[in-house]
Amino acid sequence: MIRYHVRSKTGFNFNIKILSLAKEILDFDKNNISTKYVFTILLTDNLELDRIENRKYEILKTYNKDLKGLAELFSIIRDITSYFARHGVTNYMMQNGISTDIIRDSLGIKRLALPNRI
């Protein structure tokens, strides 16, 4: 299954291949929570902007805590966050000769120069 997605921050378009297990999770959410959102981060469509930002902050905090748990599980000594993971992968791709266009596309960045500063 291929899912089309637009990154709200940049308006960048993605076509994402969804594996069967991920599709089951998405389908469960779609059938049990009625919002326009793909993930069950925002559980209702009519939230005020400050409530949306607060919810995003809380989810990111939980996500980073879970990343820390994974790092401990695999004996990674470094403090890993979503920011670190995103930019670490970018740095790895750059060091291994992946083209800037591919890096830009994978991050959903419009400006070609941005990955050069990471």
PDB file of N, CA and C in Angstrom:
ATOM      1  N   MET A   1       0.839  -1.171   0.000  1.00  0.00           N
ATOM      2  CA  MET A   1       0.000   0.000   0.000  1.00  0.00           C
ATOM      3  C   MET A   1       0.889   1.241   0.000  1.00  0.00           C
ATOM      4  N   ILE A   2       0.558   2.193  -0.822  1.00  0.00           N
ATOM      5  CA  ILE A   2       1.265   3.470  -0.865  1.00  0.00           C
ATOM      6  C   ILE A   2       0.319   4.541  -0.316  1.00  0.00           C
ATOM      7  N   ARG A   3       0.825   5.349   0.601  1.00  0.00           N
ATOM      8  CA  ARG A   3       0.008   6.413   1.186  1.00  0.00           C
ATOM      9  C   ARG A   3       0.615   7.754   0.806  1.00  0.00           C
ATOM     10  N   TYR A   4      -0.231   8.658   0.367  1.00  0.00           N
ATOM     11  CA  TYR A   4       0.184  10.006   0.018  1.00  0.00           C
ATOM     12  C   TYR A   4       0.100  10.883   1.260  1.00  0.00           C
ATOM     13  N   HIS A   5       1.120  11.716   1.489  1.00  0.00           N
ATOM     14  CA  HIS A   5       1.140  12.579   2.664  1.00  0.00           C
ATOM     15  C   HIS A   5       1.771  13.917   2.285  1.00  0.00           C
ATOM     16  N   VAL A   6       1.256  14.992   2.864  1.00  0.00           N
ATOM     17  CA  VAL A   6       1.844  16.319   2.692  1.00  0.00           C
ATOM     18  C   VAL A   6       2.368  16.767   4.053  1.00  0.00           C
ATOM     19  N   ARG A   7       3.659  17.093   4.123  1.00  0.00           N
ATOM     20  CA  ARG A   7       4.235  17.572   5.381  1.00  0.00           C
ATOM     21  C   ARG A   7       3.718  18.981   5.631  1.00  0.00           C
ATOM     22  N   SER A   8       3.021  19.185   6.734  1.00  0.00           N
ATOM     23  CA  SER A   8       2.357  20.466   6.989  1.00  0.00           C
ATOM     24  C   SER A   8       3.355  21.610   7.160  1.00  0.00           C
ATOM     25  N   LYS A   9       4.522  21.349   7.718  1.00  0.00           N
ATOM     26  CA  LYS A   9       5.501  22.411   7.953  1.00  0.00           C
ATOM     27  C   LYS A   9       6.022  23.003   6.652  1.00  0.00           C
ATOM     28  N   THR A  10       6.241  22.162   5.642  1.00  0.00           N
ATOM     29  CA  THR A  10       6.855  22.631   4.395  1.00  0.00           C
ATOM     30  C   THR A  10       5.953  22.500   3.175  1.00  0.00           C
ATOM     31  N   GLY A  11       4.864  21.747   3.293  1.00  0.00           N
ATOM     32  CA  GLY A  11       4.011  21.493   2.134  1.00  0.00           C
ATOM     33  C   GLY A  11       4.610  20.462   1.193  1.00  0.00           C
ATOM     34  N   PHE A  12       5.677  19.782   1.632  1.00  0.00           N
ATOM     35  CA  PHE A  12       6.368  18.794   0.800  1.00  0.00           C
ATOM     36  C   PHE A  12       5.514  17.535   0.662  1.00  0.00           C
ATOM     37  N   ASN A  13       5.426  16.992  -0.537  1.00  0.00           N
ATOM     38  CA  ASN A  13       4.621  15.797  -0.816  1.00  0.00           C
ATOM     39  C   ASN A  13       5.455  14.531  -0.676  1.00  0.00           C
ATOM     40  N   PHE A  14       4.874  13.515  -0.023  1.00  0.00           N
ATOM     41  CA  PHE A  14       5.503  12.213   0.136  1.00  0.00           C
ATOM     42  C   PHE A  14       4.578  11.125  -0.374  1.00  0.00           C
ATOM     43  N   ASN A  15       5.134  10.104  -0.972  1.00  0.00           N
ATOM     44  CA  ASN A  15       4.452   8.843  -1.213  1.00  0.00           C
ATOM     45  C   ASN A  15       5.176   7.823  -0.343  1.00  0.00           C
ATOM     46  N   ILE A  16       4.472   7.257   0.623  1.00  0.00           N
ATOM     47  CA  ILE A  16       5.094   6.397   1.616  1.00  0.00           C
ATOM     48  C   ILE A  16       4.561   4.984   1.473  1.00  0.00           C
ATOM     49  N   LYS A  17       5.477   4.014   1.339  1.00  0.00           N
ATOM     50  CA  LYS A  17       5.075   2.614   1.298  1.00  0.00           C
ATOM     51  C   LYS A  17       4.743   2.172   2.722  1.00  0.00           C
ATOM     52  N   ILE A  18       3.545   1.651   2.908  1.00  0.00           N
ATOM     53  CA  ILE A  18       3.090   1.218   4.222  1.00  0.00           C
ATOM     54  C   ILE A  18       3.154  -0.309   4.282  1.00  0.00           C
ATOM     55  N   LEU A  19       3.926  -0.833   5.228  1.00  0.00           N
ATOM     56  CA  LEU A  19       4.013  -2.278   5.418  1.00  0.00           C
ATOM     57  C   LEU A  19       2.734  -2.789   6.082  1.00  0.00           C
ATOM     58  N   SER A  20       2.488  -4.084   5.980  1.00  0.00           N
ATOM     59  CA  SER A  20       1.215  -4.653   6.432  1.00  0.00           C
ATOM     60  C   SER A  20       0.949  -4.415   7.917  1.00  0.00           C
ATOM     61  N   LEU A  21       1.951  -4.551   8.797  1.00  0.00           N
ATOM     62  CA  LEU A  21       1.736  -4.321  10.225  1.00  0.00           C
ATOM     63  C   LEU A  21       1.378  -2.853  10.489  1.00  0.00           C
ATOM     64  N   ALA A  22       2.082  -1.946   9.826  1.00  0.00           N
ATOM     65  CA  ALA A  22       1.777  -0.523   9.988  1.00  0.00           C
ATOM     66  C   ALA A  22       0.374  -0.220   9.473  1.00  0.00           C
ATOM     67  N   LYS A  23      -0.035  -0.878   8.380  1.00  0.00           N
ATOM     68  CA  LYS A  23      -1.382  -0.676   7.839  1.00  0.00           C
ATOM     69  C   LYS A  23      -2.438  -1.123   8.851  1.00  0.00           C
ATOM     70  N   GLU A  24      -2.197  -2.230   9.534  1.00  0.00           N
ATOM     71  CA  GLU A  24      -3.133  -2.699  10.563  1.00  0.00           C
ATOM     72  C   GLU A  24      -3.302  -1.650  11.668  1.00  0.00           C
ATOM     73  N   ILE A  25      -2.202  -1.045  12.076  1.00  0.00           N
ATOM     74  CA  ILE A  25      -2.254  -0.017  13.126  1.00  0.00           C
ATOM     75  C   ILE A  25      -3.026   1.204  12.632  1.00  0.00           C
ATOM     76  N   LEU A  26      -2.709   1.653  11.424  1.00  0.00           N
ATOM     77  CA  LEU A  26      -3.404   2.813  10.856  1.00  0.00           C
ATOM     78  C   LEU A  26      -4.892   2.535  10.678  1.00  0.00           C
ATOM     79  N   ASP A  27      -5.210   1.339  10.219  1.00  0.00           N
ATOM     80  CA  ASP A  27      -6.617   0.968  10.033  1.00  0.00           C
ATOM     81  C   ASP A  27      -7.353   0.929  11.371  1.00  0.00           C
ATOM     82  N   PHE A  28      -6.704   0.413  12.413  1.00  0.00           N
ATOM     83  CA  PHE A  28      -7.322   0.371  13.734  1.00  0.00           C
ATOM     84  C   PHE A  28      -7.660   1.788  14.190  1.00  0.00           C
ATOM     85  N   ASP A  29      -6.681   2.678  14.067  1.00  0.00           N
ATOM     86  CA  ASP A  29      -6.907   4.066  14.474  1.00  0.00           C
ATOM     87  C   ASP A  29      -8.027   4.705  13.656  1.00  0.00           C
ATOM     88  N   LYS A  30      -8.001   4.470  12.350  1.00  0.00           N
ATOM     89  CA  LYS A  30      -9.007   5.060  11.456  1.00  0.00           C
ATOM     90  C   LYS A  30     -10.418   4.573  11.814  1.00  0.00           C
ATOM     91  N   ASN A  31     -10.526   3.322  12.216  1.00  0.00           N
ATOM     92  CA  ASN A  31     -11.834   2.743  12.534  1.00  0.00           C
ATOM     93  C   ASN A  31     -12.320   3.084  13.939  1.00  0.00           C
ATOM     94  N   ASN A  32     -11.411   3.520  14.826  1.00  0.00           N
ATOM     95  CA  ASN A  32     -11.793   3.761  16.215  1.00  0.00           C
ATOM     96  C   ASN A  32     -11.750   5.220  16.648  1.00  0.00           C
ATOM     97  N   ILE A  33     -11.122   6.060  15.874  1.00  0.00           N
ATOM     98  CA  ILE A  33     -11.039   7.476  16.213  1.00  0.00           C
ATOM     99  C   ILE A  33     -11.376   8.279  14.961  1.00  0.00           C
ATOM    100  N   SER A  34     -12.360   9.136  15.072  1.00  0.00           N
ATOM    101  CA  SER A  34     -12.832   9.849  13.884  1.00  0.00           C
ATOM    102  C   SER A  34     -12.273  11.270  13.830  1.00  0.00           C
ATOM    103  N   THR A  35     -11.068  11.386  13.294  1.00  0.00           N
ATOM    104  CA  THR A  35     -10.482  12.700  13.030  1.00  0.00           C
ATOM    105  C   THR A  35      -9.928  12.676  11.619  1.00  0.00           C
ATOM    106  N   LYS A  36      -9.535  13.837  11.147  1.00  0.00           N
ATOM    107  CA  LYS A  36      -8.941  13.939   9.814  1.00  0.00           C
ATOM    108  C   LYS A  36      -7.448  13.599   9.829  1.00  0.00           C
ATOM    109  N   TYR A  37      -6.894  13.340  11.012  1.00  0.00           N
ATOM    110  CA  TYR A  37      -5.470  13.109  11.158  1.00  0.00           C
ATOM    111  C   TYR A  37      -5.105  11.640  10.952  1.00  0.00           C
ATOM    112  N   VAL A  38      -3.891  11.408  10.487  1.00  0.00           N
ATOM    113  CA  VAL A  38      -3.412  10.051  10.229  1.00  0.00           C
ATOM    114  C   VAL A  38      -3.138   9.318  11.535  1.00  0.00           C
ATOM    115  N   PHE A  39      -2.470   9.983  12.473  1.00  0.00           N
ATOM    116  CA  PHE A  39      -2.091   9.358  13.735  1.00  0.00           C
ATOM    117  C   PHE A  39      -2.975   9.874  14.861  1.00  0.00           C
ATOM    118  N   THR A  40      -3.064   9.102  15.913  1.00  0.00           N
ATOM    119  CA  THR A  40      -3.939   9.456  17.030  1.00  0.00           C
ATOM    120  C   THR A  40      -3.246  10.380  18.032  1.00  0.00           C
ATOM    121  N   ILE A  41      -2.599  11.374  17.524  1.00  0.00           N
ATOM    122  CA  ILE A  41      -1.973  12.380  18.382  1.00  0.00           C
ATOM    123  C   ILE A  41      -3.026  13.412  18.786  1.00  0.00           C
ATOM    124  N   LEU A  42      -3.780  13.896  17.817  1.00  0.00           N
ATOM    125  CA  LEU A  42      -4.889  14.807  18.077  1.00  0.00           C
ATOM    126  C   LEU A  42      -6.169  13.999  17.941  1.00  0.00           C
ATOM    127  N   LEU A  43      -6.891  13.891  19.034  1.00  0.00           N
ATOM    128  CA  LEU A  43      -8.036  12.983  19.072  1.00  0.00           C
ATOM    129  C   LEU A  43      -9.337  13.636  18.626  1.00  0.00           C
ATOM    130  N   THR A  44      -9.292  14.916  18.351  1.00  0.00           N
ATOM    131  CA  THR A  44     -10.465  15.624  17.842  1.00  0.00           C
ATOM    132  C   THR A  44     -10.017  16.684  16.845  1.00  0.00           C
ATOM    133  N   ASP A  45     -10.888  17.049  15.934  1.00  0.00           N
ATOM    134  CA  ASP A  45     -10.536  18.000  14.882  1.00  0.00           C
ATOM    135  C   ASP A  45     -10.618  19.458  15.321  1.00  0.00           C
ATOM    136  N   ASN A  46     -11.360  19.751  16.372  1.00  0.00           N
ATOM    137  CA  ASN A  46     -11.675  21.142  16.708  1.00  0.00           C
ATOM    138  C   ASN A  46     -10.924  21.653  17.928  1.00  0.00           C
ATOM    139  N   LEU A  47      -9.619  21.519  17.935  1.00  0.00           N
ATOM    140  CA  LEU A  47      -8.821  22.013  19.052  1.00  0.00           C
ATOM    141  C   LEU A  47      -8.279  23.399  18.740  1.00  0.00           C
ATOM    142  N   GLU A  48      -8.130  24.210  19.783  1.00  0.00           N
ATOM    143  CA  GLU A  48      -7.509  25.521  19.620  1.00  0.00           C
ATOM    144  C   GLU A  48      -6.006  25.326  19.443  1.00  0.00           C
ATOM    145  N   LEU A  49      -5.376  26.311  18.809  1.00  0.00           N
ATOM    146  CA  LEU A  49      -3.958  26.213  18.471  1.00  0.00           C
ATOM    147  C   LEU A  49      -3.083  25.932  19.696  1.00  0.00           C
ATOM    148  N   ASP A  50      -3.341  26.577  20.822  1.00  0.00           N
ATOM    149  CA  ASP A  50      -2.505  26.345  22.001  1.00  0.00           C
ATOM    150  C   ASP A  50      -2.659  24.914  22.526  1.00  0.00           C
ATOM    151  N   ARG A  51      -3.836  24.334  22.409  1.00  0.00           N
ATOM    152  CA  ARG A  51      -4.044  22.940  22.831  1.00  0.00           C
ATOM    153  C   ARG A  51      -3.340  21.987  21.880  1.00  0.00           C
ATOM    154  N   ILE A  52      -3.338  22.313  20.584  1.00  0.00           N
ATOM    155  CA  ILE A  52      -2.625  21.492  19.603  1.00  0.00           C
ATOM    156  C   ILE A  52      -1.132  21.507  19.911  1.00  0.00           C
ATOM    157  N   GLU A  53      -0.587  22.696  20.138  1.00  0.00           N
ATOM    158  CA  GLU A  53       0.849  22.812  20.428  1.00  0.00           C
ATOM    159  C   GLU A  53       1.209  22.080  21.714  1.00  0.00           C
ATOM    160  N   ASN A  54       0.366  22.182  22.736  1.00  0.00           N
ATOM    161  CA  ASN A  54       0.613  21.482  23.990  1.00  0.00           C
ATOM    162  C   ASN A  54       0.609  19.973  23.778  1.00  0.00           C
ATOM    163  N   ARG A  55      -0.342  19.485  23.002  1.00  0.00           N
ATOM    164  CA  ARG A  55      -0.432  18.034  22.734  1.00  0.00           C
ATOM    165  C   ARG A  55       0.792  17.557  21.963  1.00  0.00           C
ATOM    166  N   LYS A  56       1.212  18.323  20.960  1.00  0.00           N
ATOM    167  CA  LYS A  56       2.406  17.956  20.191  1.00  0.00           C
ATOM    168  C   LYS A  56       3.636  17.903  21.104  1.00  0.00           C
ATOM    169  N   TYR A  57       3.732  18.862  22.012  1.00  0.00           N
ATOM    170  CA  TYR A  57       4.849  18.890  22.958  1.00  0.00           C
ATOM    171  C   TYR A  57       4.840  17.642  23.840  1.00  0.00           C
ATOM    172  N   GLU A  58       3.668  17.287  24.358  1.00  0.00           N
ATOM    173  CA  GLU A  58       3.559  16.117  25.233  1.00  0.00           C
ATOM    174  C   GLU A  58       3.894  14.821  24.486  1.00  0.00           C
ATOM    175  N   ILE A  59       3.433  14.701  23.254  1.00  0.00           N
ATOM    176  CA  ILE A  59       3.718  13.507  22.448  1.00  0.00           C
ATOM    177  C   ILE A  59       5.212  13.430  22.141  1.00  0.00           C
ATOM    178  N   LEU A  60       5.829  14.553  21.791  1.00  0.00           N
ATOM    179  CA  LEU A  60       7.260  14.562  21.494  1.00  0.00           C
ATOM    180  C   LEU A  60       8.066  14.192  22.737  1.00  0.00           C
ATOM    181  N   LYS A  61       7.628  14.656  23.895  1.00  0.00           N
ATOM    182  CA  LYS A  61       8.287  14.306  25.155  1.00  0.00           C
ATOM    183  C   LYS A  61       8.225  12.791  25.397  1.00  0.00           C
ATOM    184  N   THR A  62       7.061  12.209  25.162  1.00  0.00           N
ATOM    185  CA  THR A  62       6.898  10.761  25.323  1.00  0.00           C
ATOM    186  C   THR A  62       7.758  10.009  24.308  1.00  0.00           C
ATOM    187  N   TYR A  63       7.763  10.480  23.074  1.00  0.00           N
ATOM    188  CA  TYR A  63       8.548   9.860  22.008  1.00  0.00           C
ATOM    189  C   TYR A  63      10.039   9.874  22.375  1.00  0.00           C
ATOM    190  N   ASN A  64      10.519  11.004  22.849  1.00  0.00           N
ATOM    191  CA  ASN A  64      11.929  11.103  23.224  1.00  0.00           C
ATOM    192  C   ASN A  64      12.257  10.206  24.419  1.00  0.00           C
ATOM    193  N   LYS A  65      11.322  10.069  25.357  1.00  0.00           N
ATOM    194  CA  LYS A  65      11.512   9.156  26.486  1.00  0.00           C
ATOM    195  C   LYS A  65      11.611   7.717  25.983  1.00  0.00           C
ATOM    196  N   ASP A  66      10.755   7.366  25.021  1.00  0.00           N
ATOM    197  CA  ASP A  66      10.800   6.018  24.442  1.00  0.00           C
ATOM    198  C   ASP A  66      12.104   5.780  23.680  1.00  0.00           C
ATOM    199  N   LEU A  67      12.592   6.803  22.965  1.00  0.00           N
ATOM    200  CA  LEU A  67      13.890   6.677  22.281  1.00  0.00           C
ATOM    201  C   LEU A  67      15.009   6.435  23.292  1.00  0.00           C
ATOM    202  N   LYS A  68      14.945   7.135  24.417  1.00  0.00           N
ATOM    203  CA  LYS A  68      15.953   6.941  25.466  1.00  0.00           C
ATOM    204  C   LYS A  68      15.914   5.497  25.973  1.00  0.00           C
ATOM    205  N   GLY A  69      14.708   4.947  26.129  1.00  0.00           N
ATOM    206  CA  GLY A  69      14.566   3.557  26.560  1.00  0.00           C
ATOM    207  C   GLY A  69      15.157   2.590  25.552  1.00  0.00           C
ATOM    208  N   LEU A  70      14.945   2.851  24.272  1.00  0.00           N
ATOM    209  CA  LEU A  70      15.531   2.003  23.226  1.00  0.00           C
ATOM    210  C   LEU A  70      17.057   2.092  23.250  1.00  0.00           C
ATOM    211  N   ALA A  71      17.567   3.311  23.439  1.00  0.00           N
ATOM    212  CA  ALA A  71      19.021   3.490  23.508  1.00  0.00           C
ATOM    213  C   ALA A  71      19.605   2.674  24.654  1.00  0.00           C
ATOM    214  N   GLU A  72      18.950   2.705  25.811  1.00  0.00           N
ATOM    215  CA  GLU A  72      19.416   1.925  26.957  1.00  0.00           C
ATOM    216  C   GLU A  72      19.356   0.432  26.658  1.00  0.00           C
ATOM    217  N   LEU A  73      18.283  -0.004  26.011  1.00  0.00           N
ATOM    218  CA  LEU A  73      18.114  -1.411  25.667  1.00  0.00           C
ATOM    219  C   LEU A  73      19.259  -1.917  24.797  1.00  0.00           C
ATOM    220  N   PHE A  74      19.738  -1.051  23.886  1.00  0.00           N
ATOM    221  CA  PHE A  74      20.813  -1.439  22.981  1.00  0.00           C
ATOM    222  C   PHE A  74      22.175  -0.929  23.440  1.00  0.00           C
ATOM    223  N   SER A  75      22.272  -0.545  24.711  1.00  0.00           N
ATOM    224  CA  SER A  75      23.528  -0.087  25.320  1.00  0.00           C
ATOM    225  C   SER A  75      24.150   1.090  24.584  1.00  0.00           C
ATOM    226  N   ILE A  76      23.311   1.980  24.092  1.00  0.00           N
ATOM    227  CA  ILE A  76      23.794   3.207  23.460  1.00  0.00           C
ATOM    228  C   ILE A  76      23.946   4.239  24.569  1.00  0.00           C
ATOM    229  N   ILE A  77      25.128   4.754  24.726  1.00  0.00           N
ATOM    230  CA  ILE A  77      25.444   5.633  25.841  1.00  0.00           C
ATOM    231  C   ILE A  77      24.990   7.070  25.572  1.00  0.00           C
ATOM    232  N   ARG A  78      24.781   7.411  24.358  1.00  0.00           N
ATOM    233  CA  ARG A  78      24.433   8.767  23.951  1.00  0.00           C
ATOM    234  C   ARG A  78      22.984   9.114  24.290  1.00  0.00           C
ATOM    235  N   ASP A  79      22.719  10.391  24.585  1.00  0.00           N
ATOM    236  CA  ASP A  79      21.362  10.867  24.823  1.00  0.00           C
ATOM    237  C   ASP A  79      20.693  11.075  23.462  1.00  0.00           C
ATOM    238  N   ILE A  80      19.746  10.217  23.120  1.00  0.00           N
ATOM    239  CA  ILE A  80      19.113  10.258  21.806  1.00  0.00           C
ATOM    240  C   ILE A  80      17.748  10.918  21.906  1.00  0.00           C
ATOM    241  N   THR A  81      17.512  11.869  21.015  1.00  0.00           N
ATOM    242  CA  THR A  81      16.220  12.546  20.912  1.00  0.00           C
ATOM    243  C   THR A  81      15.766  12.484  19.454  1.00  0.00           C
ATOM    244  N   SER A  82      14.543  12.893  19.197  1.00  0.00           N
ATOM    245  CA  SER A  82      14.055  12.925  17.817  1.00  0.00           C
ATOM    246  C   SER A  82      14.916  13.864  16.966  1.00  0.00           C
ATOM    247  N   TYR A  83      15.334  14.976  17.547  1.00  0.00           N
ATOM    248  CA  TYR A  83      16.200  15.921  16.836  1.00  0.00           C
ATOM    249  C   TYR A  83      17.528  15.248  16.489  1.00  0.00           C
ATOM    250  N   PHE A  84      18.125  14.599  17.477  1.00  0.00           N
ATOM    251  CA  PHE A  84      19.400  13.914  17.263  1.00  0.00           C
ATOM    252  C   PHE A  84      19.256  12.830  16.195  1.00  0.00           C
ATOM    253  N   ALA A  85      18.179  12.055  16.265  1.00  0.00           N
ATOM    254  CA  ALA A  85      17.973  10.965  15.306  1.00  0.00           C
ATOM    255  C   ALA A  85      17.838  11.513  13.886  1.00  0.00           C
ATOM    256  N   ARG A  86      17.036  12.539  13.714  1.00  0.00           N
ATOM    257  CA  ARG A  86      16.813  13.122  12.380  1.00  0.00           C
ATOM    258  C   ARG A  86      18.126  13.651  11.796  1.00  0.00           C
ATOM    259  N   HIS A  87      18.859  14.397  12.596  1.00  0.00           N
ATOM    260  CA  HIS A  87      20.089  14.995  12.091  1.00  0.00           C
ATOM    261  C   HIS A  87      21.243  13.998  12.047  1.00  0.00           C
ATOM    262  N   GLY A  88      21.203  12.992  12.904  1.00  0.00           N
ATOM    263  CA  GLY A  88      22.212  11.937  12.843  1.00  0.00           C
ATOM    264  C   GLY A  88      22.103  11.137  11.553  1.00  0.00           C
ATOM    265  N   VAL A  89      20.876  10.811  11.173  1.00  0.00           N
ATOM    266  CA  VAL A  89      20.654  10.089   9.916  1.00  0.00           C
ATOM    267  C   VAL A  89      21.090  10.952   8.738  1.00  0.00           C
ATOM    268  N   THR A  90      20.780  12.235   8.788  1.00  0.00           N
ATOM    269  CA  THR A  90      21.182  13.154   7.717  1.00  0.00           C
ATOM    270  C   THR A  90      22.702  13.184   7.597  1.00  0.00           C
ATOM    271  N   ASN A  91      23.371  13.307   8.719  1.00  0.00           N
ATOM    272  CA  ASN A  91      24.834  13.346   8.727  1.00  0.00           C
ATOM    273  C   ASN A  91      25.412  12.048   8.176  1.00  0.00           C
ATOM    274  N   TYR A  92      24.838  10.914   8.593  1.00  0.00           N
ATOM    275  CA  TYR A  92      25.283   9.611   8.097  1.00  0.00           C
ATOM    276  C   TYR A  92      25.147   9.529   6.576  1.00  0.00           C
ATOM    277  N   MET A  93      23.993   9.977   6.054  1.00  0.00           N
ATOM    278  CA  MET A  93      23.778   9.934   4.600  1.00  0.00           C
ATOM    279  C   MET A  93      24.781  10.818   3.872  1.00  0.00           C
ATOM    280  N   MET A  94      25.038  12.002   4.421  1.00  0.00           N
ATOM    281  CA  MET A  94      25.994  12.911   3.780  1.00  0.00           C
ATOM    282  C   MET A  94      27.397  12.304   3.765  1.00  0.00           C
ATOM    283  N   GLN A  95      27.807  11.703   4.886  1.00  0.00           N
ATOM    284  CA  GLN A  95      29.139  11.105   4.980  1.00  0.00           C
ATOM    285  C   GLN A  95      29.296   9.889   4.073  1.00  0.00           C
ATOM    286  N   ASN A  96      28.183   9.278   3.686  1.00  0.00           N
ATOM    287  CA  ASN A  96      28.239   8.086   2.839  1.00  0.00           C
ATOM    288  C   ASN A  96      27.875   8.373   1.393  1.00  0.00           C
ATOM    289  N   GLY A  97      27.942   9.640   1.008  1.00  0.00           N
ATOM    290  CA  GLY A  97      27.827  10.019  -0.393  1.00  0.00           C
ATOM    291  C   GLY A  97      26.419  10.023  -0.975  1.00  0.00           C
ATOM    292  N   ILE A  98      25.396  10.013  -0.127  1.00  0.00           N
ATOM    293  CA  ILE A  98      24.027  10.096  -0.639  1.00  0.00           C
ATOM    294  C   ILE A  98      23.825  11.501  -1.190  1.00  0.00           C
ATOM    295  N   SER A  99      23.190  11.590  -2.334  1.00  0.00           N
ATOM    296  CA  SER A  99      23.037  12.897  -2.962  1.00  0.00           C
ATOM    297  C   SER A  99      22.187  13.823  -2.106  1.00  0.00           C
ATOM    298  N   THR A 100      22.510  15.106  -2.178  1.00  0.00           N
ATOM    299  CA  THR A 100      21.782  16.121  -1.422  1.00  0.00           C
ATOM    300  C   THR A 100      20.308  16.128  -1.799  1.00  0.00           C
ATOM    301  N   ASP A 101      20.002  15.853  -3.068  1.00  0.00           N
ATOM    302  CA  ASP A 101      18.595  15.806  -3.496  1.00  0.00           C
ATOM    303  C   ASP A 101      17.829  14.708  -2.762  1.00  0.00           C
ATOM    304  N   ILE A 102      18.434  13.552  -2.608  1.00  0.00           N
ATOM    305  CA  ILE A 102      17.774  12.438  -1.907  1.00  0.00           C
ATOM    306  C   ILE A 102      17.619  12.773  -0.428  1.00  0.00           C
ATOM    307  N   ILE A 103      18.646  13.354   0.174  1.00  0.00           N
ATOM    308  CA  ILE A 103      18.560  13.748   1.582  1.00  0.00           C
ATOM    309  C   ILE A 103      17.444  14.770   1.761  1.00  0.00           C
ATOM    310  N   ARG A 104      17.427  15.770   0.916  1.00  0.00           N
ATOM    311  CA  ARG A 104      16.391  16.807   0.993  1.00  0.00           C
ATOM    312  C   ARG A 104      15.003  16.193   0.878  1.00  0.00           C
ATOM    313  N   ASP A 105      14.828  15.299  -0.091  1.00  0.00           N
ATOM    314  CA  ASP A 105      13.526  14.664  -0.296  1.00  0.00           C
ATOM    315  C   ASP A 105      13.127  13.797   0.902  1.00  0.00           C
ATOM    316  N   SER A 106      14.081  13.079   1.480  1.00  0.00           N
ATOM    317  CA  SER A 106      13.747  12.202   2.606  1.00  0.00           C
ATOM    318  C   SER A 106      13.365  12.990   3.849  1.00  0.00           C
ATOM    319  N   LEU A 107      13.873  14.218   3.977  1.00  0.00           N
ATOM    320  CA  LEU A 107      13.551  15.057   5.124  1.00  0.00           C
ATOM    321  C   LEU A 107      12.333  15.938   4.880  1.00  0.00           C
ATOM    322  N   GLY A 108      11.902  16.021   3.629  1.00  0.00           N
ATOM    323  CA  GLY A 108      10.770  16.897   3.325  1.00  0.00           C
ATOM    324  C   GLY A 108      11.162  18.354   3.344  1.00  0.00           C
ATOM    325  N   ILE A 109      12.390  18.633   2.936  1.00  0.00           N
ATOM    326  CA  ILE A 109      12.902  20.007   2.931  1.00  0.00           C
ATOM    327  C   ILE A 109      12.822  20.548   1.508  1.00  0.00           C
ATOM    328  N   LYS A 110      12.319  21.759   1.361  1.00  0.00           N
ATOM    329  CA  LYS A 110      12.206  22.359   0.037  1.00  0.00           C
ATOM    330  C   LYS A 110      13.529  22.929  -0.465  1.00  0.00           C
ATOM    331  N   ARG A 111      14.265  23.572   0.441  1.00  0.00           N
ATOM    332  CA  ARG A 111      15.492  24.256   0.022  1.00  0.00           C
ATOM    333  C   ARG A 111      16.665  23.294  -0.009  1.00  0.00           C
ATOM    334  N   LEU A 112      17.335  23.246  -1.108  1.00  0.00           N
ATOM    335  CA  LEU A 112      18.453  22.326  -1.305  1.00  0.00           C
ATOM    336  C   LEU A 112      19.627  22.621  -0.361  1.00  0.00           C
ATOM    337  N   ALA A 113      19.813  23.875   0.034  1.00  0.00           N
ATOM    338  CA  ALA A 113      20.975  24.268   0.840  1.00  0.00           C
ATOM    339  C   ALA A 113      20.875  23.793   2.283  1.00  0.00           C
ATOM    340  N   LEU A 114      19.687  23.518   2.800  1.00  0.00           N
ATOM    341  CA  LEU A 114      19.522  23.198   4.216  1.00  0.00           C
ATOM    342  C   LEU A 114      20.354  22.000   4.679  1.00  0.00           C
ATOM    343  N   PRO A 115      20.345  20.860   3.974  1.00  0.00           N
ATOM    344  CA  PRO A 115      21.156  19.730   4.472  1.00  0.00           C
ATOM    345  C   PRO A 115      22.650  20.029   4.538  1.00  0.00           C
ATOM    346  N   ASN A 116      23.149  20.980   3.741  1.00  0.00           N
ATOM    347  CA  ASN A 116      24.562  21.314   3.792  1.00  0.00           C
ATOM    348  C   ASN A 116      24.954  21.964   5.120  1.00  0.00           C
ATOM    349  N   ARG A 117      23.981  22.516   5.854  1.00  0.00           N
ATOM    350  CA  ARG A 117      24.276  23.183   7.121  1.00  0.00           C
ATOM    351  C   ARG A 117      24.126  22.237   8.310  1.00  0.00           C
ATOM    352  N   ILE A 118      23.618  21.046   8.094  1.00  0.00           N
ATOM    353  CA  ILE A 118      23.368  20.120   9.208  1.00  0.00           C
ATOM    354  C   ILE A 118      24.647  19.432   9.615  1.00  0.00           C
TER     355      ILE A 118
END
